Every structure is written in structure tokens, then in C-alpha cells.
Amino acid sequence: MNVSRRAILLGVLGVGSIASLVASRVWKDDTKATLFAEFEAAQTPVTRPQFSPDDVADLPDPIQRYLKHVLDDGQPYVQSARLHQTGEFRLGDADSPWKPLEATQRYSVEPPGFVWDARIELFPFVPVHVVDAFVRGCGTLRAKLFSVVTVANAEPSPELDEGELHRYLAEMVWFPTAFLPGQHVEWDPVDERAARATIEFEGTSVSAVFHVDENDEITRVTADRWYETDDGGYEKHPWTGYFEEYHDVDGLLVPQSGVVEWNLPDETVPYWRATIDELSYEFAELD
């Protein structure tokens, strides 16, 4: 959610002046319902073979080791996933306080897409509801204070599309069959512990480097991503995600917690940290 933090922060600065509007207004915006409907309609039922270790023979060595570690022989391919996360979100710089976060997220593999539906408590009893999504190749970001007053509504742009597809790529560790050949991702070797993944969809292409530890688990992902500047423009900065506590969910080894951060020239700013406390899958039909 790299383009959202600044917009939300600026929007909530006026909370005192708009709070009186809340009691007299009803949220008529159907953005969330529309996005979920489009997300469902876009999904394409597919058939896939079961995973075999032979499937990854042509991939870079660290990714071969990772996929053989997190997938059992015969593992069905994931078609869609749903998770619930609880944690904290930071708006602003590295000295800003963390705010409680709760969110649900849905992913599809064919086509690549997700919808993140989050509640961030800015102050006691002052929530902002955020919808962040990549649906039909387009990025979306909207945030509403009390589910009523719009405080962020990102304009459509190539930068927004890239940012959301970057997010999708990094989060594929929660449905790792999407990394397999034939699943939109191409791999290039980096070194004995890392490989670069590139995903392209509907004219948008992004890459990230996945780092594999001595346990053959992806514990870090790095990328250059678009960051919103003070003047409302964009510039690219390094970004890092960390993954921990791998555990088994329906035969897949996936991380249970994570942290993401911006690596800016003057400071490192962690801005999301959470635990995945629920995760479920729908699997593709077998060939």
C-alpha cells in the first residue's frame, strides 16, 4: 500500500472538522461491493496438474529448493486464497506511532488479482476503512473515515497499477503454487540464495528479488517501487518485505507473519506488520 499512507495522513488531519458530519450521512459509495463483484466475475476456472518436483527443474536453484520445500509432491494448484490479518499500520515517518490494523484479503491466480479490505484505528473509536486492490489489471486505492468521509482516492495511473501488481507479486508467498511455471511468473537467477521474479499482466510488468535462507524458505523480498512524494508525484525507492514463522496450511508451507518497509535515503520506515491468523484456499480442478 505504498501510495496510500501519505494521502490518508493528509486526509485525517481534518478529522475534528468533519466528525460532526458522520452522524448525518450514510455511506452510499459502493466501491468495495463493486470491486468484489468484479473480482469474482474476473476469475477464470482452470485445470492444472498436481505439483511434481520435476516441474521446477528449469528454475533457478534457490527457487527450486524453496518450492520443493514448501510444496509436497502431488500438491494441487491454488486458484484463489482468502486470509485474515491482525497487526499494526504506520502513517508518516519512522517516528510516527503504530495504529491497530485488521483486514481481510482475497487473491486470485487466474487472472492475477486481489482485494484488501482493511480497518485502521487512527484514534480510539476513529477508524479509517481502506480498500486496496488490483482487479482486471487496474489498481485501486480508496480510504474513508468512519466509512463515510473520503480521505484518499488515488487517481488511476501506471504507477498505481505497478504498485498494486508489485504488492501481489510479493505476497504470492501465501499461495506459492503461483510461482510455478505457467503461472504468469518468469524467473532469472541472481545468486545461490536469490532469484528475480517478473510478472506481466494487461500491459503492466514488475519484478522483485526473492531471498531464500538456509532453511529453503523465502524470508525476504526486495524491489524498487513507486513512492509518493510530497508534491504528489512519484519516484522509485527500495522496498523490503520480511516473512517469518512458516507453518503448514492445507499442505502448503507459508509464513504466518511479516513486516514491510520503505528504505528511503534518510531513513528506513516500517509501515505494516501483521500476523495471518486465518488462511484458506480454493484449489484448481485436476487435469
C-alpha atoms as a PDB file:
ATOM      1  CA  MET A   1       0.000   0.000   0.000  1.00  0.00           C
ATOM      2  CA  ASN A   2       2.847   2.343  -0.832  1.00  0.00           C
ATOM      3  CA  VAL A   3       0.808   5.182  -2.366  1.00  0.00           C
ATOM      4  CA  SER A   4      -1.769   5.365   0.416  1.00  0.00           C
ATOM      5  CA  ARG A   5      -0.007   6.349   3.621  1.00  0.00           C
ATOM      6  CA  ARG A   6       0.601   9.989   2.756  1.00  0.00           C
ATOM      7  CA  ALA A   7      -2.859  10.518   1.278  1.00  0.00           C
ATOM      8  CA  ILE A   8      -4.568   9.004   4.301  1.00  0.00           C
ATOM      9  CA  LEU A   9      -2.424  11.021   6.704  1.00  0.00           C
ATOM     10  CA  LEU A  10      -3.285  14.290   4.994  1.00  0.00           C
ATOM     11  CA  GLY A  11      -6.941  13.382   4.902  1.00  0.00           C
ATOM     12  CA  VAL A  12      -7.293  12.556   8.576  1.00  0.00           C
ATOM     13  CA  LEU A  13      -5.703  15.816   9.701  1.00  0.00           C
ATOM     14  CA  GLY A  14      -9.142  17.301   9.280  1.00  0.00           C
ATOM     15  CA  VAL A  15     -10.871  14.745  11.473  1.00  0.00           C
ATOM     16  CA  GLY A  16     -12.016  17.326  14.017  1.00  0.00           C
ATOM     17  CA  SER A  17     -13.811  19.441  11.437  1.00  0.00           C
ATOM     18  CA  ILE A  18     -15.594  16.573   9.717  1.00  0.00           C
ATOM     19  CA  ALA A  19     -16.557  14.347  12.643  1.00  0.00           C
ATOM     20  CA  SER A  20     -19.837  16.198  13.031  1.00  0.00           C
ATOM     21  CA  LEU A  21     -20.833  15.109   9.529  1.00  0.00           C
ATOM     22  CA  VAL A  22     -20.667  11.433  10.340  1.00  0.00           C
ATOM     23  CA  ALA A  23     -23.921  11.130  12.252  1.00  0.00           C
ATOM     24  CA  SER A  24     -25.949  12.706   9.454  1.00  0.00           C
ATOM     25  CA  ARG A  25     -24.506  10.863   6.449  1.00  0.00           C
ATOM     26  CA  VAL A  26     -24.861   7.331   5.098  1.00  0.00           C
ATOM     27  CA  TRP A  27     -22.096   5.760   3.071  1.00  0.00           C
ATOM     28  CA  LYS A  28     -23.514   5.496  -0.450  1.00  0.00           C
ATOM     29  CA  ASP A  29     -20.205   4.602  -2.120  1.00  0.00           C
ATOM     30  CA  ASP A  30     -20.369   1.043  -3.400  1.00  0.00           C
ATOM     31  CA  THR A  31     -16.680   0.873  -4.342  1.00  0.00           C
ATOM     32  CA  LYS A  32     -15.995  -2.143  -2.157  1.00  0.00           C
ATOM     33  CA  ALA A  33     -19.038  -4.090  -3.351  1.00  0.00           C
ATOM     34  CA  THR A  34     -18.247  -3.249  -6.970  1.00  0.00           C
ATOM     35  CA  LEU A  35     -14.622  -4.328  -6.613  1.00  0.00           C
ATOM     36  CA  PHE A  36     -15.564  -7.631  -5.021  1.00  0.00           C
ATOM     37  CA  ALA A  37     -18.149  -8.268  -7.745  1.00  0.00           C
ATOM     38  CA  GLU A  38     -15.600  -7.512 -10.469  1.00  0.00           C
ATOM     39  CA  PHE A  39     -13.012  -9.638  -8.691  1.00  0.00           C
ATOM     40  CA  GLU A  40     -15.394 -12.607  -8.612  1.00  0.00           C
ATOM     41  CA  ALA A  41     -16.514 -12.117 -12.212  1.00  0.00           C
ATOM     42  CA  ALA A  42     -12.933 -11.910 -13.488  1.00  0.00           C
ATOM     43  CA  GLN A  43     -11.848 -15.269 -12.054  1.00  0.00           C
ATOM     44  CA  THR A  44     -11.389 -17.999 -14.632  1.00  0.00           C
ATOM     45  CA  PRO A  45     -11.847 -21.618 -13.532  1.00  0.00           C
ATOM     46  CA  VAL A  46      -8.781 -23.536 -14.656  1.00  0.00           C
ATOM     47  CA  THR A  47      -7.481 -27.087 -14.589  1.00  0.00           C
ATOM     48  CA  ARG A  48      -3.937 -27.795 -13.529  1.00  0.00           C
ATOM     49  CA  PRO A  49      -1.799 -30.887 -12.939  1.00  0.00           C
ATOM     50  CA  GLN A  50      -0.659 -31.721  -9.444  1.00  0.00           C
ATOM     51  CA  PHE A  51       2.748 -30.381  -8.481  1.00  0.00           C
ATOM     52  CA  SER A  52       5.754 -32.575  -9.221  1.00  0.00           C
ATOM     53  CA  PRO A  53       9.353 -31.721  -8.259  1.00  0.00           C
ATOM     54  CA  ASP A  54      10.218 -32.228 -11.932  1.00  0.00           C
ATOM     55  CA  ASP A  55       8.125 -29.119 -12.724  1.00  0.00           C
ATOM     56  CA  VAL A  56      10.806 -26.808 -11.291  1.00  0.00           C
ATOM     57  CA  ALA A  57      13.882 -28.390 -12.883  1.00  0.00           C
ATOM     58  CA  ASP A  58      14.496 -25.343 -15.098  1.00  0.00           C
ATOM     59  CA  LEU A  59      14.072 -22.694 -12.374  1.00  0.00           C
ATOM     60  CA  PRO A  60      16.998 -21.008 -10.537  1.00  0.00           C
ATOM     61  CA  ASP A  61      18.449 -23.238  -7.819  1.00  0.00           C
ATOM     62  CA  PRO A  62      17.236 -21.269  -4.763  1.00  0.00           C
ATOM     63  CA  ILE A  63      13.664 -21.231  -6.078  1.00  0.00           C
ATOM     64  CA  GLN A  64      13.844 -24.947  -6.864  1.00  0.00           C
ATOM     65  CA  ARG A  65      14.868 -25.580  -3.256  1.00  0.00           C
ATOM     66  CA  TYR A  66      12.155 -23.266  -1.925  1.00  0.00           C
ATOM     67  CA  LEU A  67       9.323 -24.796  -3.959  1.00  0.00           C
ATOM     68  CA  LYS A  68      10.372 -28.376  -3.190  1.00  0.00           C
ATOM     69  CA  HIS A  69      10.416 -27.405   0.496  1.00  0.00           C
ATOM     70  CA  VAL A  70       7.022 -25.671   0.678  1.00  0.00           C
ATOM     71  CA  LEU A  71       5.099 -27.966  -1.732  1.00  0.00           C
ATOM     72  CA  ASP A  72       4.572 -31.695  -1.412  1.00  0.00           C
ATOM     73  CA  ASP A  73       4.651 -33.929  -4.455  1.00  0.00           C
ATOM     74  CA  GLY A  74       1.034 -34.047  -5.672  1.00  0.00           C
ATOM     75  CA  GLN A  75       0.050 -30.683  -4.177  1.00  0.00           C
ATOM     76  CA  PRO A  76      -2.961 -29.170  -6.028  1.00  0.00           C
ATOM     77  CA  TYR A  77      -2.502 -25.701  -7.505  1.00  0.00           C
ATOM     78  CA  VAL A  78      -4.146 -22.776  -5.700  1.00  0.00           C
ATOM     79  CA  GLN A  79      -6.842 -20.999  -7.695  1.00  0.00           C
ATOM     80  CA  SER A  80      -7.807 -18.464  -5.030  1.00  0.00           C
ATOM     81  CA  ALA A  81      -6.947 -17.658  -1.425  1.00  0.00           C
ATOM     82  CA  ARG A  82      -8.523 -15.768   1.441  1.00  0.00           C
ATOM     83  CA  LEU A  83      -6.769 -14.542   4.571  1.00  0.00           C
ATOM     84  CA  HIS A  84      -7.397 -12.501   7.687  1.00  0.00           C
ATOM     85  CA  GLN A  85      -4.636 -10.413   9.227  1.00  0.00           C
ATOM     86  CA  THR A  86      -4.269  -8.600  12.538  1.00  0.00           C
ATOM     87  CA  GLY A  87      -1.480  -6.185  13.246  1.00  0.00           C
ATOM     88  CA  GLU A  88      -0.416  -2.547  13.009  1.00  0.00           C
ATOM     89  CA  PHE A  89      -0.006   0.122  10.347  1.00  0.00           C
ATOM     90  CA  ARG A  90       2.098   3.284  10.406  1.00  0.00           C
ATOM     91  CA  LEU A  91       1.170   6.574   8.742  1.00  0.00           C
ATOM     92  CA  GLY A  92       4.043   9.013   8.343  1.00  0.00           C
ATOM     93  CA  ASP A  93       7.755   8.665   9.133  1.00  0.00           C
ATOM     94  CA  ALA A  94       9.715   6.266  11.329  1.00  0.00           C
ATOM     95  CA  ASP A  95       8.828   8.260  14.461  1.00  0.00           C
ATOM     96  CA  SER A  96       5.075   8.059  13.859  1.00  0.00           C
ATOM     97  CA  PRO A  97       3.031   5.778  16.122  1.00  0.00           C
ATOM     98  CA  TRP A  98       1.720   2.407  15.028  1.00  0.00           C
ATOM     99  CA  LYS A  99      -2.063   2.088  14.643  1.00  0.00           C
ATOM    100  CA  PRO A 100      -4.147  -1.085  15.130  1.00  0.00           C
ATOM    101  CA  LEU A 101      -4.995  -2.877  11.883  1.00  0.00           C
ATOM    102  CA  GLU A 102      -7.433  -5.621  10.953  1.00  0.00           C
ATOM    103  CA  ALA A 103      -8.013  -6.727   7.375  1.00  0.00           C
ATOM    104  CA  THR A 104      -9.286  -9.450   5.098  1.00  0.00           C
ATOM    105  CA  GLN A 105      -7.753 -10.109   1.711  1.00  0.00           C
ATOM    106  CA  ARG A 106      -8.747 -12.222  -1.269  1.00  0.00           C
ATOM    107  CA  TYR A 107      -6.415 -13.303  -4.062  1.00  0.00           C
ATOM    108  CA  SER A 108      -6.978 -14.905  -7.439  1.00  0.00           C
ATOM    109  CA  VAL A 109      -4.300 -16.572  -9.542  1.00  0.00           C
ATOM    110  CA  GLU A 110      -6.137 -16.573 -12.852  1.00  0.00           C
ATOM    111  CA  PRO A 111      -6.182 -13.708 -13.511  1.00  0.00           C
ATOM    112  CA  PRO A 112      -3.696 -12.199 -11.031  1.00  0.00           C
ATOM    113  CA  GLY A 113      -5.649 -10.006  -8.617  1.00  0.00           C
ATOM    114  CA  PHE A 114      -6.520  -9.156  -5.021  1.00  0.00           C
ATOM    115  CA  VAL A 115      -8.815  -7.025  -2.869  1.00  0.00           C
ATOM    116  CA  TRP A 116      -7.610  -5.872   0.559  1.00  0.00           C
ATOM    117  CA  ASP A 117     -10.368  -4.656   2.886  1.00  0.00           C
ATOM    118  CA  ALA A 118      -8.820  -3.060   5.989  1.00  0.00           C
ATOM    119  CA  ARG A 119      -9.788  -1.160   9.115  1.00  0.00           C
ATOM    120  CA  ILE A 120      -7.104   1.053  10.694  1.00  0.00           C
ATOM    121  CA  GLU A 121      -7.929   2.693  14.035  1.00  0.00           C
ATOM    122  CA  LEU A 122      -6.326   6.128  13.810  1.00  0.00           C
ATOM    123  CA  PHE A 123      -7.505   7.144  17.276  1.00  0.00           C
ATOM    124  CA  PRO A 124      -9.798   5.394  19.765  1.00  0.00           C
ATOM    125  CA  PHE A 125     -13.164   4.970  18.044  1.00  0.00           C
ATOM    126  CA  VAL A 126     -11.887   6.789  14.910  1.00  0.00           C
ATOM    127  CA  PRO A 127     -11.407   4.150  12.193  1.00  0.00           C
ATOM    128  CA  VAL A 128     -10.443   4.593   8.577  1.00  0.00           C
ATOM    129  CA  HIS A 129     -11.605   1.905   6.159  1.00  0.00           C
ATOM    130  CA  VAL A 130      -9.243   1.210   3.273  1.00  0.00           C
ATOM    131  CA  VAL A 131      -9.807  -0.757   0.080  1.00  0.00           C
ATOM    132  CA  ASP A 132      -6.649  -1.542  -1.874  1.00  0.00           C
ATOM    133  CA  ALA A 133      -6.964  -3.706  -4.985  1.00  0.00           C
ATOM    134  CA  PHE A 134      -5.673  -4.984  -8.297  1.00  0.00           C
ATOM    135  CA  VAL A 135      -8.620  -6.133 -10.397  1.00  0.00           C
ATOM    136  CA  ARG A 136      -8.727  -6.697 -14.168  1.00  0.00           C
ATOM    137  CA  GLY A 137      -5.246  -5.209 -14.454  1.00  0.00           C
ATOM    138  CA  CYS A 138      -6.121  -1.926 -12.703  1.00  0.00           C
ATOM    139  CA  GLY A 139      -5.032  -0.667  -9.298  1.00  0.00           C
ATOM    140  CA  THR A 140      -7.479   0.925  -6.854  1.00  0.00           C
ATOM    141  CA  LEU A 141      -6.966   2.689  -3.533  1.00  0.00           C
ATOM    142  CA  ARG A 142      -9.713   4.346  -1.523  1.00  0.00           C
ATOM    143  CA  ALA A 143      -9.981   5.231   2.154  1.00  0.00           C
ATOM    144  CA  LYS A 144     -12.958   6.536   4.136  1.00  0.00           C
ATOM    145  CA  LEU A 145     -13.044   7.910   7.641  1.00  0.00           C
ATOM    146  CA  PHE A 146     -15.875   6.253   9.624  1.00  0.00           C
ATOM    147  CA  SER A 147     -16.767   4.560   6.295  1.00  0.00           C
ATOM    148  CA  VAL A 148     -18.275   7.920   5.341  1.00  0.00           C
ATOM    149  CA  VAL A 149     -15.806  10.698   4.502  1.00  0.00           C
ATOM    150  CA  THR A 150     -13.340  10.068   1.694  1.00  0.00           C
ATOM    151  CA  VAL A 151      -9.763  10.800   2.793  1.00  0.00           C
ATOM    152  CA  ALA A 152      -7.898   9.046  -0.051  1.00  0.00           C
ATOM    153  CA  ASN A 153      -8.903   8.230  -3.605  1.00  0.00           C
ATOM    154  CA  ALA A 154      -5.895   7.508  -5.795  1.00  0.00           C
ATOM    155  CA  GLU A 155      -6.167   8.636  -9.401  1.00  0.00           C
ATOM    156  CA  PRO A 156      -5.755   5.859 -11.988  1.00  0.00           C
ATOM    157  CA  SER A 157      -2.174   5.780 -13.238  1.00  0.00           C
ATOM    158  CA  PRO A 158       0.508   3.380 -14.474  1.00  0.00           C
ATOM    159  CA  GLU A 159       2.326   3.948 -11.178  1.00  0.00           C
ATOM    160  CA  LEU A 160      -0.700   2.818  -9.187  1.00  0.00           C
ATOM    161  CA  ASP A 161      -1.118  -0.277 -11.379  1.00  0.00           C
ATOM    162  CA  GLU A 162       2.559  -1.148 -10.949  1.00  0.00           C
ATOM    163  CA  GLY A 163       2.407  -0.609  -7.198  1.00  0.00           C
ATOM    164  CA  GLU A 164      -0.537  -2.961  -6.787  1.00  0.00           C
ATOM    165  CA  LEU A 165       0.949  -5.641  -9.058  1.00  0.00           C
ATOM    166  CA  HIS A 166       4.208  -5.366  -7.088  1.00  0.00           C
ATOM    167  CA  ARG A 167       2.230  -5.972  -3.925  1.00  0.00           C
ATOM    168  CA  TYR A 168       0.543  -9.029  -5.467  1.00  0.00           C
ATOM    169  CA  LEU A 169       3.888 -10.485  -6.571  1.00  0.00           C
ATOM    170  CA  ALA A 170       5.487 -10.037  -3.147  1.00  0.00           C
ATOM    171  CA  GLU A 171       2.522 -11.637  -1.373  1.00  0.00           C
ATOM    172  CA  MET A 172       2.488 -14.773  -3.517  1.00  0.00           C
ATOM    173  CA  VAL A 173       4.413 -16.444  -0.680  1.00  0.00           C
ATOM    174  CA  TRP A 174       0.941 -17.076   0.778  1.00  0.00           C
ATOM    175  CA  PHE A 175      -0.106 -19.108  -2.293  1.00  0.00           C
ATOM    176  CA  PRO A 176       3.231 -20.402  -3.602  1.00  0.00           C
ATOM    177  CA  THR A 177       1.942 -22.614  -6.417  1.00  0.00           C
ATOM    178  CA  ALA A 178       1.544 -19.298  -8.277  1.00  0.00           C
ATOM    179  CA  PHE A 179       5.358 -19.239  -8.554  1.00  0.00           C
ATOM    180  CA  LEU A 180       5.355 -22.418 -10.679  1.00  0.00           C
ATOM    181  CA  PRO A 181       5.991 -22.414 -14.439  1.00  0.00           C
ATOM    182  CA  GLY A 182       2.955 -21.448 -16.497  1.00  0.00           C
ATOM    183  CA  GLN A 183       1.552 -19.205 -13.746  1.00  0.00           C
ATOM    184  CA  HIS A 184       2.444 -15.722 -15.127  1.00  0.00           C
ATOM    185  CA  VAL A 185       5.877 -15.532 -13.418  1.00  0.00           C
ATOM    186  CA  GLU A 186       9.278 -15.734 -15.122  1.00  0.00           C
ATOM    187  CA  TRP A 187      12.441 -16.351 -13.079  1.00  0.00           C
ATOM    188  CA  ASP A 188      16.055 -15.184 -13.530  1.00  0.00           C
ATOM    189  CA  PRO A 189      18.973 -16.217 -11.313  1.00  0.00           C
ATOM    190  CA  VAL A 190      20.684 -13.668  -9.039  1.00  0.00           C
ATOM    191  CA  ASP A 191      22.983 -15.796  -6.851  1.00  0.00           C
ATOM    192  CA  GLU A 192      22.929 -19.014  -4.813  1.00  0.00           C
ATOM    193  CA  ARG A 193      20.398 -17.533  -2.358  1.00  0.00           C
ATOM    194  CA  ALA A 194      18.215 -15.302  -4.538  1.00  0.00           C
ATOM    195  CA  ALA A 195      16.309 -15.084  -7.824  1.00  0.00           C
ATOM    196  CA  ARG A 196      14.364 -12.373  -9.605  1.00  0.00           C
ATOM    197  CA  ALA A 197      10.684 -12.910 -10.427  1.00  0.00           C
ATOM    198  CA  THR A 198       8.923 -10.897 -13.133  1.00  0.00           C
ATOM    199  CA  ILE A 199       5.192 -10.853 -13.645  1.00  0.00           C
ATOM    200  CA  GLU A 200       3.358  -9.185 -16.522  1.00  0.00           C
ATOM    201  CA  PHE A 201      -0.373  -8.702 -16.865  1.00  0.00           C
ATOM    202  CA  GLU A 202      -2.501  -6.430 -19.047  1.00  0.00           C
ATOM    203  CA  GLY A 203       0.500  -4.341 -20.098  1.00  0.00           C
ATOM    204  CA  THR A 204       1.940  -3.880 -16.594  1.00  0.00           C
ATOM    205  CA  SER A 205       5.223  -5.585 -15.704  1.00  0.00           C
ATOM    206  CA  VAL A 206       7.078  -5.594 -12.361  1.00  0.00           C
ATOM    207  CA  SER A 207       9.977  -7.503 -10.816  1.00  0.00           C
ATOM    208  CA  ALA A 208      11.144  -8.385  -7.319  1.00  0.00           C
ATOM    209  CA  VAL A 209      14.056 -10.367  -5.880  1.00  0.00           C
ATOM    210  CA  PHE A 210      13.168 -13.224  -3.530  1.00  0.00           C
ATOM    211  CA  HIS A 211      15.810 -14.240  -0.979  1.00  0.00           C
ATOM    212  CA  VAL A 212      15.924 -17.848   0.271  1.00  0.00           C
ATOM    213  CA  ASP A 213      17.516 -18.710   3.616  1.00  0.00           C
ATOM    214  CA  GLU A 214      19.396 -21.795   4.804  1.00  0.00           C
ATOM    215  CA  ASN A 215      16.055 -23.490   5.577  1.00  0.00           C
ATOM    216  CA  ASP A 216      14.975 -23.084   1.932  1.00  0.00           C
ATOM    217  CA  GLU A 217      12.307 -20.551   2.911  1.00  0.00           C
ATOM    218  CA  ILE A 218      11.717 -17.113   1.388  1.00  0.00           C
ATOM    219  CA  THR A 219      12.347 -14.761   4.291  1.00  0.00           C
ATOM    220  CA  ARG A 220      12.889 -11.515   2.364  1.00  0.00           C
ATOM    221  CA  VAL A 221      11.717  -9.856  -0.849  1.00  0.00           C
ATOM    222  CA  THR A 222      13.218  -6.651  -2.276  1.00  0.00           C
ATOM    223  CA  ALA A 223      12.149  -4.342  -5.088  1.00  0.00           C
ATOM    224  CA  ASP A 224      12.314  -0.796  -6.384  1.00  0.00           C
ATOM    225  CA  ARG A 225       8.767   0.561  -6.088  1.00  0.00           C
ATOM    226  CA  TRP A 226       6.941   3.817  -6.705  1.00  0.00           C
ATOM    227  CA  TYR A 227       6.783   6.085  -3.643  1.00  0.00           C
ATOM    228  CA  GLU A 228       4.510   9.118  -3.418  1.00  0.00           C
ATOM    229  CA  THR A 229       6.451  12.360  -2.910  1.00  0.00           C
ATOM    230  CA  ASP A 230       5.419  15.498  -1.010  1.00  0.00           C
ATOM    231  CA  ASP A 231       4.323  17.207  -4.226  1.00  0.00           C
ATOM    232  CA  GLY A 232       2.025  14.353  -5.237  1.00  0.00           C
ATOM    233  CA  GLY A 233       4.420  12.876  -7.790  1.00  0.00           C
ATOM    234  CA  TYR A 234       6.196   9.533  -7.729  1.00  0.00           C
ATOM    235  CA  GLU A 235       9.778   8.368  -7.528  1.00  0.00           C
ATOM    236  CA  LYS A 236      11.210   4.903  -7.104  1.00  0.00           C
ATOM    237  CA  HIS A 237      12.792   3.788  -3.832  1.00  0.00           C
ATOM    238  CA  PRO A 238      13.933   0.438  -2.446  1.00  0.00           C
ATOM    239  CA  TRP A 239      11.289  -1.535  -0.582  1.00  0.00           C
ATOM    240  CA  THR A 240      11.684  -4.673   1.553  1.00  0.00           C
ATOM    241  CA  GLY A 241       9.293  -7.289   2.907  1.00  0.00           C
ATOM    242  CA  TYR A 242      10.181  -9.849   5.585  1.00  0.00           C
ATOM    243  CA  PHE A 243       8.415 -13.172   6.244  1.00  0.00           C
ATOM    244  CA  GLU A 244       8.586 -15.371   9.355  1.00  0.00           C
ATOM    245  CA  GLU A 245       7.096 -18.386  11.140  1.00  0.00           C
ATOM    246  CA  TYR A 246       6.463 -20.804   8.298  1.00  0.00           C
ATOM    247  CA  HIS A 247       3.740 -23.324   9.055  1.00  0.00           C
ATOM    248  CA  ASP A 248       1.527 -25.801   7.222  1.00  0.00           C
ATOM    249  CA  VAL A 249      -1.838 -24.758   5.766  1.00  0.00           C
ATOM    250  CA  ASP A 250      -3.591 -27.377   3.618  1.00  0.00           C
ATOM    251  CA  GLY A 251      -0.262 -28.900   2.629  1.00  0.00           C
ATOM    252  CA  LEU A 252       1.438 -25.588   1.812  1.00  0.00           C
ATOM    253  CA  LEU A 253       4.251 -24.164   3.961  1.00  0.00           C
ATOM    254  CA  VAL A 254       3.588 -20.432   4.234  1.00  0.00           C
ATOM    255  CA  PRO A 255       4.680 -17.599   6.568  1.00  0.00           C
ATOM    256  CA  GLN A 256       2.443 -16.641   9.467  1.00  0.00           C
ATOM    257  CA  SER A 257       3.760 -13.113   9.967  1.00  0.00           C
ATOM    258  CA  GLY A 258       5.530 -10.339   8.132  1.00  0.00           C
ATOM    259  CA  VAL A 259       6.842  -6.762   8.112  1.00  0.00           C
ATOM    260  CA  VAL A 260       7.212  -4.371   5.162  1.00  0.00           C
ATOM    261  CA  GLU A 261       9.258  -1.194   4.973  1.00  0.00           C
ATOM    262  CA  TRP A 262      10.472   1.635   2.769  1.00  0.00           C
ATOM    263  CA  ASN A 263      14.256   2.004   2.534  1.00  0.00           C
ATOM    264  CA  LEU A 264      14.437   5.748   1.922  1.00  0.00           C
ATOM    265  CA  PRO A 265      17.686   7.727   1.538  1.00  0.00           C
ATOM    266  CA  ASP A 266      17.430   9.285   5.019  1.00  0.00           C
ATOM    267  CA  GLU A 267      15.600   6.585   6.970  1.00  0.00           C
ATOM    268  CA  THR A 268      14.045   3.152   6.936  1.00  0.00           C
ATOM    269  CA  VAL A 269      10.287   3.261   7.550  1.00  0.00           C
ATOM    270  CA  PRO A 270       8.495   0.029   8.501  1.00  0.00           C
ATOM    271  CA  TYR A 271       4.787   0.636   7.877  1.00  0.00           C
ATOM    272  CA  TRP A 272       2.943  -2.735   8.024  1.00  0.00           C
ATOM    273  CA  ARG A 273       3.430  -5.607  10.454  1.00  0.00           C
ATOM    274  CA  ALA A 274       0.858  -8.308  10.999  1.00  0.00           C
ATOM    275  CA  THR A 275       0.029 -11.914  11.749  1.00  0.00           C
ATOM    276  CA  ILE A 276      -2.009 -14.025   9.356  1.00  0.00           C
ATOM    277  CA  ASP A 277      -4.475 -15.675  11.715  1.00  0.00           C
ATOM    278  CA  GLU A 278      -6.759 -17.257   9.093  1.00  0.00           C
ATOM    279  CA  LEU A 279      -5.895 -18.610   5.643  1.00  0.00           C
ATOM    280  CA  SER A 280      -7.914 -20.812   3.292  1.00  0.00           C
ATOM    281  CA  TYR A 281      -7.721 -21.907  -0.330  1.00  0.00           C
ATOM    282  CA  GLU A 282      -9.746 -22.986  -3.301  1.00  0.00           C
ATOM    283  CA  PHE A 283      -7.777 -25.358  -5.493  1.00  0.00           C
ATOM    284  CA  ALA A 284      -7.860 -25.742  -9.266  1.00  0.00           C
ATOM    285  CA  GLU A 285      -9.518 -28.780 -10.760  1.00  0.00           C
ATOM    286  CA  LEU A 286      -7.061 -31.508 -11.722  1.00  0.00           C
ATOM    287  CA  ASP A 287      -6.277 -32.230 -15.356  1.00  0.00           C
END
